[in-house]
Amino acid sequence: MYSSRSNGAQPAAGNMFELDAIAACFIGGAAVTGGVGTVVGAVVGGLIMGVMSNGMQLLGIDLSVQQMVKGLVLLMAVAFDVYNKRRAVSAR
């Protein structure tokens, strides 16, 4: 989609979108250990990341701060997943 919006395919067009893609999957409900998650969840996670990125861009937040915020959101999503797994195991 990025190539079509920029009106041309470039070999490096998708660089630096790895963090967004991984964060979108974890926000959407994918598990750190694998085997859990849905396509709908990944799409919802992608929408959340897109809105967050667009909002920070419109607010004029520096790119390095944007990356830190995205990293913190990713860490919170992973920590929440690990917490839920531990809670489910201890409840058995």
PDB file of N, CA and C in Angstrom:
ATOM      1  N   MET A   1       0.821  -1.183   0.000  1.00  0.00           N
ATOM      2  CA  MET A   1       0.000   0.000   0.000  1.00  0.00           C
ATOM      3  C   MET A   1       0.866   1.248   0.000  1.00  0.00           C
ATOM      4  N   TYR A   2       1.990   1.173   0.700  1.00  0.00           N
ATOM      5  CA  TYR A   2       2.874   2.330   0.746  1.00  0.00           C
ATOM      6  C   TYR A   2       3.413   2.643  -0.647  1.00  0.00           C
ATOM      7  N   SER A   3       3.753   1.610  -1.404  1.00  0.00           N
ATOM      8  CA  SER A   3       4.274   1.819  -2.761  1.00  0.00           C
ATOM      9  C   SER A   3       3.233   2.461  -3.660  1.00  0.00           C
ATOM     10  N   SER A   4       1.992   2.042  -3.521  1.00  0.00           N
ATOM     11  CA  SER A   4       0.954   2.625  -4.368  1.00  0.00           C
ATOM     12  C   SER A   4       0.680   4.085  -4.001  1.00  0.00           C
ATOM     13  N   ARG A   5       0.766   4.400  -2.722  1.00  0.00           N
ATOM     14  CA  ARG A   5       0.532   5.789  -2.303  1.00  0.00           C
ATOM     15  C   ARG A   5       1.672   6.702  -2.725  1.00  0.00           C
ATOM     16  N   SER A   6       2.887   6.161  -2.778  1.00  0.00           N
ATOM     17  CA  SER A   6       4.019   6.999  -3.176  1.00  0.00           C
ATOM     18  C   SER A   6       4.237   6.981  -4.686  1.00  0.00           C
ATOM     19  N   ASN A   7       3.378   6.293  -5.403  1.00  0.00           N
ATOM     20  CA  ASN A   7       3.385   6.246  -6.861  1.00  0.00           C
ATOM     21  C   ASN A   7       4.657   5.624  -7.419  1.00  0.00           C
ATOM     22  N   GLY A   8       5.133   4.592  -6.764  1.00  0.00           N
ATOM     23  CA  GLY A   8       6.287   3.885  -7.285  1.00  0.00           C
ATOM     24  C   GLY A   8       6.843   2.909  -6.273  1.00  0.00           C
ATOM     25  N   ALA A   9       7.399   1.838  -6.779  1.00  0.00           N
ATOM     26  CA  ALA A   9       7.980   0.826  -5.900  1.00  0.00           C
ATOM     27  C   ALA A   9       9.463   1.101  -5.723  1.00  0.00           C
ATOM     28  N   GLN A  10       9.886   1.146  -4.505  1.00  0.00           N
ATOM     29  CA  GLN A  10      11.288   1.341  -4.166  1.00  0.00           C
ATOM     30  C   GLN A  10      11.728   0.188  -3.268  1.00  0.00           C
ATOM     31  N   PRO A  11      12.947  -0.284  -3.411  1.00  0.00           N
ATOM     32  CA  PRO A  11      13.398  -1.404  -2.583  1.00  0.00           C
ATOM     33  C   PRO A  11      13.369  -1.112  -1.087  1.00  0.00           C
ATOM     34  N   ALA A  12      13.561   0.121  -0.693  1.00  0.00           N
ATOM     35  CA  ALA A  12      13.618   0.472   0.721  1.00  0.00           C
ATOM     36  C   ALA A  12      12.347   1.172   1.191  1.00  0.00           C
ATOM     37  N   ALA A  13      11.249   1.009   0.471  1.00  0.00           N
ATOM     38  CA  ALA A  13      10.029   1.740   0.799  1.00  0.00           C
ATOM     39  C   ALA A  13       9.420   1.323   2.134  1.00  0.00           C
ATOM     40  N   GLY A  14       9.604   0.098   2.557  1.00  0.00           N
ATOM     41  CA  GLY A  14       8.984  -0.366   3.795  1.00  0.00           C
ATOM     42  C   GLY A  14       9.908  -0.386   4.985  1.00  0.00           C
ATOM     43  N   ASN A  15      11.080   0.197   4.856  1.00  0.00           N
ATOM     44  CA  ASN A  15      12.003   0.214   5.993  1.00  0.00           C
ATOM     45  C   ASN A  15      11.409   1.007   7.152  1.00  0.00           C
ATOM     46  N   MET A  16      11.721   0.576   8.338  1.00  0.00           N
ATOM     47  CA  MET A  16      11.304   1.204   9.585  1.00  0.00           C
ATOM     48  C   MET A  16       9.810   1.013   9.893  1.00  0.00           C
ATOM     49  N   PHE A  17       9.154   0.096   9.216  1.00  0.00           N
ATOM     50  CA  PHE A  17       7.773  -0.228   9.549  1.00  0.00           C
ATOM     51  C   PHE A  17       7.678  -1.548  10.318  1.00  0.00           C
ATOM     52  N   GLU A  18       8.819  -2.138  10.649  1.00  0.00           N
ATOM     53  CA  GLU A  18       8.821  -3.412  11.353  1.00  0.00           C
ATOM     54  C   GLU A  18       8.215  -3.281  12.742  1.00  0.00           C
ATOM     55  N   LEU A  19       8.573  -2.223  13.447  1.00  0.00           N
ATOM     56  CA  LEU A  19       8.045  -2.010  14.795  1.00  0.00           C
ATOM     57  C   LEU A  19       6.529  -1.860  14.762  1.00  0.00           C
ATOM     58  N   ASP A  20       6.030  -1.132  13.790  1.00  0.00           N
ATOM     59  CA  ASP A  20       4.581  -0.948  13.667  1.00  0.00           C
ATOM     60  C   ASP A  20       3.878  -2.276  13.407  1.00  0.00           C
ATOM     61  N   ALA A  21       4.439  -3.097  12.537  1.00  0.00           N
ATOM     62  CA  ALA A  21       3.810  -4.373  12.207  1.00  0.00           C
ATOM     63  C   ALA A  21       3.801  -5.326  13.399  1.00  0.00           C
ATOM     64  N   ILE A  22       4.906  -5.408  14.102  1.00  0.00           N
ATOM     65  CA  ILE A  22       4.977  -6.292  15.266  1.00  0.00           C
ATOM     66  C   ILE A  22       4.052  -5.791  16.371  1.00  0.00           C
ATOM     67  N   ALA A  23       4.064  -4.495  16.618  1.00  0.00           N
ATOM     68  CA  ALA A  23       3.195  -3.925  17.658  1.00  0.00           C
ATOM     69  C   ALA A  23       1.728  -4.126  17.305  1.00  0.00           C
ATOM     70  N   ALA A  24       1.383  -3.991  16.028  1.00  0.00           N
ATOM     71  CA  ALA A  24      -0.010  -4.189  15.617  1.00  0.00           C
ATOM     72  C   ALA A  24      -0.465  -5.608  15.906  1.00  0.00           C
ATOM     73  N   CYS A  25       0.389  -6.581  15.674  1.00  0.00           N
ATOM     74  CA  CYS A  25       0.016  -7.977  15.947  1.00  0.00           C
ATOM     75  C   CYS A  25      -0.194  -8.213  17.433  1.00  0.00           C
ATOM     76  N   PHE A  26       0.711  -7.697  18.259  1.00  0.00           N
ATOM     77  CA  PHE A  26       0.572  -7.913  19.699  1.00  0.00           C
ATOM     78  C   PHE A  26      -0.599  -7.132  20.280  1.00  0.00           C
ATOM     79  N   ILE A  27      -0.831  -5.933  19.802  1.00  0.00           N
ATOM     80  CA  ILE A  27      -1.995  -5.165  20.260  1.00  0.00           C
ATOM     81  C   ILE A  27      -3.279  -5.874  19.851  1.00  0.00           C
ATOM     82  N   GLY A  28      -3.257  -6.514  18.692  1.00  0.00           N
ATOM     83  CA  GLY A  28      -4.423  -7.228  18.189  1.00  0.00           C
ATOM     84  C   GLY A  28      -4.695  -8.543  18.873  1.00  0.00           C
ATOM     85  N   GLY A  29      -3.819  -8.992  19.755  1.00  0.00           N
ATOM     86  CA  GLY A  29      -4.103 -10.191  20.529  1.00  0.00           C
ATOM     87  C   GLY A  29      -3.209 -11.373  20.246  1.00  0.00           C
ATOM     88  N   ALA A  30      -2.216 -11.239  19.393  1.00  0.00           N
ATOM     89  CA  ALA A  30      -1.296 -12.346  19.157  1.00  0.00           C
ATOM     90  C   ALA A  30      -0.479 -12.588  20.419  1.00  0.00           C
ATOM     91  N   ALA A  31      -0.173 -13.854  20.680  1.00  0.00           N
ATOM     92  CA  ALA A  31       0.578 -14.203  21.880  1.00  0.00           C
ATOM     93  C   ALA A  31       2.067 -14.206  21.590  1.00  0.00           C
ATOM     94  N   VAL A  32       2.846 -13.944  22.615  1.00  0.00           N
ATOM     95  CA  VAL A  32       4.295 -13.964  22.482  1.00  0.00           C
ATOM     96  C   VAL A  32       4.766 -15.375  22.144  1.00  0.00           C
ATOM     97  N   THR A  33       4.103 -16.369  22.699  1.00  0.00           N
ATOM     98  CA  THR A  33       4.501 -17.756  22.484  1.00  0.00           C
ATOM     99  C   THR A  33       3.988 -18.315  21.176  1.00  0.00           C
ATOM    100  N   GLY A  34       3.112 -17.598  20.499  1.00  0.00           N
ATOM    101  CA  GLY A  34       2.593 -18.039  19.211  1.00  0.00           C
ATOM    102  C   GLY A  34       1.346 -18.892  19.356  1.00  0.00           C
ATOM    103  N   GLY A  35       0.699 -19.160  18.227  1.00  0.00           N
ATOM    104  CA  GLY A  35      -0.462 -20.026  18.209  1.00  0.00           C
ATOM    105  C   GLY A  35      -1.771 -19.364  18.564  1.00  0.00           C
ATOM    106  N   VAL A  36      -1.754 -18.104  18.938  1.00  0.00           N
ATOM    107  CA  VAL A  36      -2.968 -17.400  19.325  1.00  0.00           C
ATOM    108  C   VAL A  36      -3.030 -16.098  18.539  1.00  0.00           C
ATOM    109  N   GLY A  37      -4.225 -15.748  18.110  1.00  0.00           N
ATOM    110  CA  GLY A  37      -4.401 -14.492  17.397  1.00  0.00           C
ATOM    111  C   GLY A  37      -5.275 -14.692  16.177  1.00  0.00           C
ATOM    112  N   THR A  38      -5.879 -13.620  15.730  1.00  0.00           N
ATOM    113  CA  THR A  38      -6.747 -13.675  14.561  1.00  0.00           C
ATOM    114  C   THR A  38      -6.367 -12.568  13.581  1.00  0.00           C
ATOM    115  N   VAL A  39      -6.825 -12.721  12.362  1.00  0.00           N
ATOM    116  CA  VAL A  39      -6.588 -11.701  11.354  1.00  0.00           C
ATOM    117  C   VAL A  39      -7.319 -10.416  11.733  1.00  0.00           C
ATOM    118  N   VAL A  40      -8.532 -10.551  12.234  1.00  0.00           N
ATOM    119  CA  VAL A  40      -9.303  -9.379  12.639  1.00  0.00           C
ATOM    120  C   VAL A  40      -8.571  -8.630  13.749  1.00  0.00           C
ATOM    121  N   GLY A  41      -8.001  -9.362  14.693  1.00  0.00           N
ATOM    122  CA  GLY A  41      -7.244  -8.720  15.765  1.00  0.00           C
ATOM    123  C   GLY A  41      -6.035  -7.969  15.234  1.00  0.00           C
ATOM    124  N   ALA A  42      -5.339  -8.564  14.273  1.00  0.00           N
ATOM    125  CA  ALA A  42      -4.179  -7.892  13.683  1.00  0.00           C
ATOM    126  C   ALA A  42      -4.594  -6.632  12.927  1.00  0.00           C
ATOM    127  N   VAL A  43      -5.736  -6.686  12.254  1.00  0.00           N
ATOM    128  CA  VAL A  43      -6.232  -5.501  11.541  1.00  0.00           C
ATOM    129  C   VAL A  43      -6.605  -4.404  12.534  1.00  0.00           C
ATOM    130  N   VAL A  44      -7.267  -4.774  13.617  1.00  0.00           N
ATOM    131  CA  VAL A  44      -7.613  -3.793  14.648  1.00  0.00           C
ATOM    132  C   VAL A  44      -6.342  -3.194  15.254  1.00  0.00           C
ATOM    133  N   GLY A  45      -5.351  -4.041  15.526  1.00  0.00           N
ATOM    134  CA  GLY A  45      -4.079  -3.544  16.031  1.00  0.00           C
ATOM    135  C   GLY A  45      -3.411  -2.602  15.047  1.00  0.00           C
ATOM    136  N   GLY A  46      -3.494  -2.932  13.757  1.00  0.00           N
ATOM    137  CA  GLY A  46      -2.942  -2.052  12.732  1.00  0.00           C
ATOM    138  C   GLY A  46      -3.645  -0.712  12.680  1.00  0.00           C
ATOM    139  N   LEU A  47      -4.952  -0.733  12.850  1.00  0.00           N
ATOM    140  CA  LEU A  47      -5.710   0.522  12.875  1.00  0.00           C
ATOM    141  C   LEU A  47      -5.332   1.372  14.086  1.00  0.00           C
ATOM    142  N   ILE A  48      -5.158   0.731  15.223  1.00  0.00           N
ATOM    143  CA  ILE A  48      -4.760   1.461  16.430  1.00  0.00           C
ATOM    144  C   ILE A  48      -3.385   2.084  16.228  1.00  0.00           C
ATOM    145  N   MET A  49      -2.440   1.313  15.689  1.00  0.00           N
ATOM    146  CA  MET A  49      -1.103   1.844  15.442  1.00  0.00           C
ATOM    147  C   MET A  49      -1.143   2.964  14.405  1.00  0.00           C
ATOM    148  N   GLY A  50      -1.969   2.816  13.386  1.00  0.00           N
ATOM    149  CA  GLY A  50      -2.083   3.847  12.356  1.00  0.00           C
ATOM    150  C   GLY A  50      -2.642   5.143  12.898  1.00  0.00           C
ATOM    151  N   VAL A  51      -3.679   5.049  13.709  1.00  0.00           N
ATOM    152  CA  VAL A  51      -4.267   6.244  14.314  1.00  0.00           C
ATOM    153  C   VAL A  51      -3.271   6.912  15.251  1.00  0.00           C
ATOM    154  N   MET A  52      -2.561   6.080  16.020  1.00  0.00           N
ATOM    155  CA  MET A  52      -1.573   6.630  16.948  1.00  0.00           C
ATOM    156  C   MET A  52      -0.437   7.324  16.189  1.00  0.00           C
ATOM    157  N   SER A  53       0.065   6.700  15.129  1.00  0.00           N
ATOM    158  CA  SER A  53       1.143   7.298  14.332  1.00  0.00           C
ATOM    159  C   SER A  53       0.682   8.580  13.656  1.00  0.00           C
ATOM    160  N   ASN A  54      -0.502   8.537  13.067  1.00  0.00           N
ATOM    161  CA  ASN A  54      -1.033   9.721  12.388  1.00  0.00           C
ATOM    162  C   ASN A  54      -1.265  10.859  13.381  1.00  0.00           C
ATOM    163  N   GLY A  55      -1.802  10.548  14.537  1.00  0.00           N
ATOM    164  CA  GLY A  55      -2.045  11.568  15.549  1.00  0.00           C
ATOM    165  C   GLY A  55      -0.766  12.226  16.024  1.00  0.00           C
ATOM    166  N   MET A  56       0.255  11.407  16.274  1.00  0.00           N
ATOM    167  CA  MET A  56       1.518  11.985  16.719  1.00  0.00           C
ATOM    168  C   MET A  56       2.169  12.815  15.617  1.00  0.00           C
ATOM    169  N   GLN A  57       2.013  12.374  14.376  1.00  0.00           N
ATOM    170  CA  GLN A  57       2.556  13.137  13.257  1.00  0.00           C
ATOM    171  C   GLN A  57       1.844  14.487  13.125  1.00  0.00           C
ATOM    172  N   LEU A  58       0.517  14.482  13.253  1.00  0.00           N
ATOM    173  CA  LEU A  58      -0.242  15.724  13.158  1.00  0.00           C
ATOM    174  C   LEU A  58       0.073  16.683  14.305  1.00  0.00           C
ATOM    175  N   LEU A  59       0.407  16.128  15.458  1.00  0.00           N
ATOM    176  CA  LEU A  59       0.772  16.966  16.598  1.00  0.00           C
ATOM    177  C   LEU A  59       2.189  17.505  16.487  1.00  0.00           C
ATOM    178  N   GLY A  60       2.944  17.019  15.511  1.00  0.00           N
ATOM    179  CA  GLY A  60       4.304  17.503  15.304  1.00  0.00           C
ATOM    180  C   GLY A  60       5.311  16.934  16.272  1.00  0.00           C
ATOM    181  N   ILE A  61       5.032  15.759  16.794  1.00  0.00           N
ATOM    182  CA  ILE A  61       5.953  15.121  17.738  1.00  0.00           C
ATOM    183  C   ILE A  61       7.157  14.594  16.963  1.00  0.00           C
ATOM    184  N   ASP A  62       8.336  14.756  17.536  1.00  0.00           N
ATOM    185  CA  ASP A  62       9.584  14.332  16.905  1.00  0.00           C
ATOM    186  C   ASP A  62       9.571  12.826  16.633  1.00  0.00           C
ATOM    187  N   LEU A  63      10.213  12.414  15.551  1.00  0.00           N
ATOM    188  CA  LEU A  63      10.200  11.016  15.133  1.00  0.00           C
ATOM    189  C   LEU A  63      10.810  10.096  16.181  1.00  0.00           C
ATOM    190  N   SER A  64      11.864  10.538  16.847  1.00  0.00           N
ATOM    191  CA  SER A  64      12.479   9.692  17.867  1.00  0.00           C
ATOM    192  C   SER A  64      11.531   9.484  19.057  1.00  0.00           C
ATOM    193  N   VAL A  65      10.777  10.504  19.409  1.00  0.00           N
ATOM    194  CA  VAL A  65       9.799  10.369  20.497  1.00  0.00           C
ATOM    195  C   VAL A  65       8.661   9.442  20.047  1.00  0.00           C
ATOM    196  N   GLN A  66       8.258   9.535  18.793  1.00  0.00           N
ATOM    197  CA  GLN A  66       7.228   8.643  18.259  1.00  0.00           C
ATOM    198  C   GLN A  66       7.667   7.189  18.363  1.00  0.00           C
ATOM    199  N   GLN A  67       8.918   6.913  18.023  1.00  0.00           N
ATOM    200  CA  GLN A  67       9.428   5.547  18.103  1.00  0.00           C
ATOM    201  C   GLN A  67       9.450   5.062  19.548  1.00  0.00           C
ATOM    202  N   MET A  68       9.811   5.951  20.487  1.00  0.00           N
ATOM    203  CA  MET A  68       9.816   5.562  21.899  1.00  0.00           C
ATOM    204  C   MET A  68       8.405   5.251  22.381  1.00  0.00           C
ATOM    205  N   VAL A  69       7.439   6.060  21.995  1.00  0.00           N
ATOM    206  CA  VAL A  69       6.051   5.825  22.400  1.00  0.00           C
ATOM    207  C   VAL A  69       5.555   4.498  21.828  1.00  0.00           C
ATOM    208  N   LYS A  70       5.849   4.241  20.566  1.00  0.00           N
ATOM    209  CA  LYS A  70       5.450   2.976  19.949  1.00  0.00           C
ATOM    210  C   LYS A  70       6.111   1.791  20.645  1.00  0.00           C
ATOM    211  N   GLY A  71       7.374   1.949  21.007  1.00  0.00           N
ATOM    212  CA  GLY A  71       8.072   0.890  21.735  1.00  0.00           C
ATOM    213  C   GLY A  71       7.457   0.635  23.097  1.00  0.00           C
ATOM    214  N   LEU A  72       7.070   1.698  23.781  1.00  0.00           N
ATOM    215  CA  LEU A  72       6.416   1.541  25.084  1.00  0.00           C
ATOM    216  C   LEU A  72       5.059   0.860  24.945  1.00  0.00           C
ATOM    217  N   VAL A  73       4.320   1.201  23.896  1.00  0.00           N
ATOM    218  CA  VAL A  73       3.029   0.547  23.655  1.00  0.00           C
ATOM    219  C   VAL A  73       3.243  -0.930  23.385  1.00  0.00           C
ATOM    220  N   LEU A  74       4.276  -1.261  22.614  1.00  0.00           N
ATOM    221  CA  LEU A  74       4.596  -2.667  22.348  1.00  0.00           C
ATOM    222  C   LEU A  74       4.965  -3.390  23.629  1.00  0.00           C
ATOM    223  N   LEU A  75       5.793  -2.775  24.463  1.00  0.00           N
ATOM    224  CA  LEU A  75       6.164  -3.397  25.734  1.00  0.00           C
ATOM    225  C   LEU A  75       4.953  -3.614  26.629  1.00  0.00           C
ATOM    226  N   MET A  76       4.048  -2.646  26.670  1.00  0.00           N
ATOM    227  CA  MET A  76       2.841  -2.803  27.485  1.00  0.00           C
ATOM    228  C   MET A  76       1.967  -3.936  26.958  1.00  0.00           C
ATOM    229  N   ALA A  77       1.844  -4.068  25.636  1.00  0.00           N
ATOM    230  CA  ALA A  77       1.033  -5.136  25.059  1.00  0.00           C
ATOM    231  C   ALA A  77       1.629  -6.501  25.375  1.00  0.00           C
ATOM    232  N   VAL A  78       2.939  -6.632  25.267  1.00  0.00           N
ATOM    233  CA  VAL A  78       3.600  -7.907  25.581  1.00  0.00           C
ATOM    234  C   VAL A  78       3.496  -8.208  27.074  1.00  0.00           C
ATOM    235  N   ALA A  79       3.699  -7.206  27.915  1.00  0.00           N
ATOM    236  CA  ALA A  79       3.588  -7.418  29.357  1.00  0.00           C
ATOM    237  C   ALA A  79       2.173  -7.831  29.744  1.00  0.00           C
ATOM    238  N   PHE A  80       1.178  -7.235  29.111  1.00  0.00           N
ATOM    239  CA  PHE A  80      -0.209  -7.604  29.385  1.00  0.00           C
ATOM    240  C   PHE A  80      -0.475  -9.047  28.968  1.00  0.00           C
ATOM    241  N   ASP A  81       0.075  -9.472  27.834  1.00  0.00           N
ATOM    242  CA  ASP A  81      -0.090 -10.851  27.375  1.00  0.00           C
ATOM    243  C   ASP A  81       0.562 -11.830  28.347  1.00  0.00           C
ATOM    244  N   VAL A  82       1.774 -11.530  28.774  1.00  0.00           N
ATOM    245  CA  VAL A  82       2.476 -12.406  29.715  1.00  0.00           C
ATOM    246  C   VAL A  82       1.732 -12.457  31.046  1.00  0.00           C
ATOM    247  N   TYR A  83       1.234 -11.320  31.505  1.00  0.00           N
ATOM    248  CA  TYR A  83       0.471 -11.279  32.759  1.00  0.00           C
ATOM    249  C   TYR A  83      -0.784 -12.145  32.668  1.00  0.00           C
ATOM    250  N   ASN A  84      -1.512 -12.041  31.563  1.00  0.00           N
ATOM    251  CA  ASN A  84      -2.722 -12.849  31.389  1.00  0.00           C
ATOM    252  C   ASN A  84      -2.403 -14.332  31.328  1.00  0.00           C
ATOM    253  N   LYS A  85      -1.308 -14.710  30.691  1.00  0.00           N
ATOM    254  CA  LYS A  85      -0.919 -16.119  30.629  1.00  0.00           C
ATOM    255  C   LYS A  85      -0.600 -16.648  32.022  1.00  0.00           C
ATOM    256  N   ARG A  86       0.152 -15.871  32.794  1.00  0.00           N
ATOM    257  CA  ARG A  86       0.510 -16.318  34.156  1.00  0.00           C
ATOM    258  C   ARG A  86      -0.714 -16.409  35.052  1.00  0.00           C
ATOM    259  N   ARG A  87      -1.621 -15.457  34.896  1.00  0.00           N
ATOM    260  CA  ARG A  87      -2.844 -15.483  35.696  1.00  0.00           C
ATOM    261  C   ARG A  87      -3.711 -16.676  35.345  1.00  0.00           C
ATOM    262  N   ALA A  88      -3.789 -17.026  34.056  1.00  0.00           N
ATOM    263  CA  ALA A  88      -4.584 -18.171  33.624  1.00  0.00           C
ATOM    264  C   ALA A  88      -3.986 -19.479  34.120  1.00  0.00           C
ATOM    265  N   VAL A  89      -2.660 -19.564  34.143  1.00  0.00           N
ATOM    266  CA  VAL A  89      -2.003 -20.777  34.623  1.00  0.00           C
ATOM    267  C   VAL A  89      -2.188 -20.929  36.122  1.00  0.00           C
ATOM    268  N   SER A  90      -2.089 -19.851  36.871  1.00  0.00           N
ATOM    269  CA  SER A  90      -2.248 -19.929  38.315  1.00  0.00           C
ATOM    270  C   SER A  90      -3.682 -20.164  38.742  1.00  0.00           C
ATOM    271  N   ALA A  91      -4.654 -19.876  37.884  1.00  0.00           N
ATOM    272  CA  ALA A  91      -6.056 -20.070  38.209  1.00  0.00           C
ATOM    273  C   ALA A  91      -6.484 -21.525  38.068  1.00  0.00           C
ATOM    274  N   ARG A  92      -5.681 -22.323  37.407  1.00  0.00           N
ATOM    275  CA  ARG A  92      -6.056 -23.738  37.211  1.00  0.00           C
ATOM    276  C   ARG A  92      -5.960 -24.529  38.435  1.00  0.00           C
TER     277      ARG A  92
END
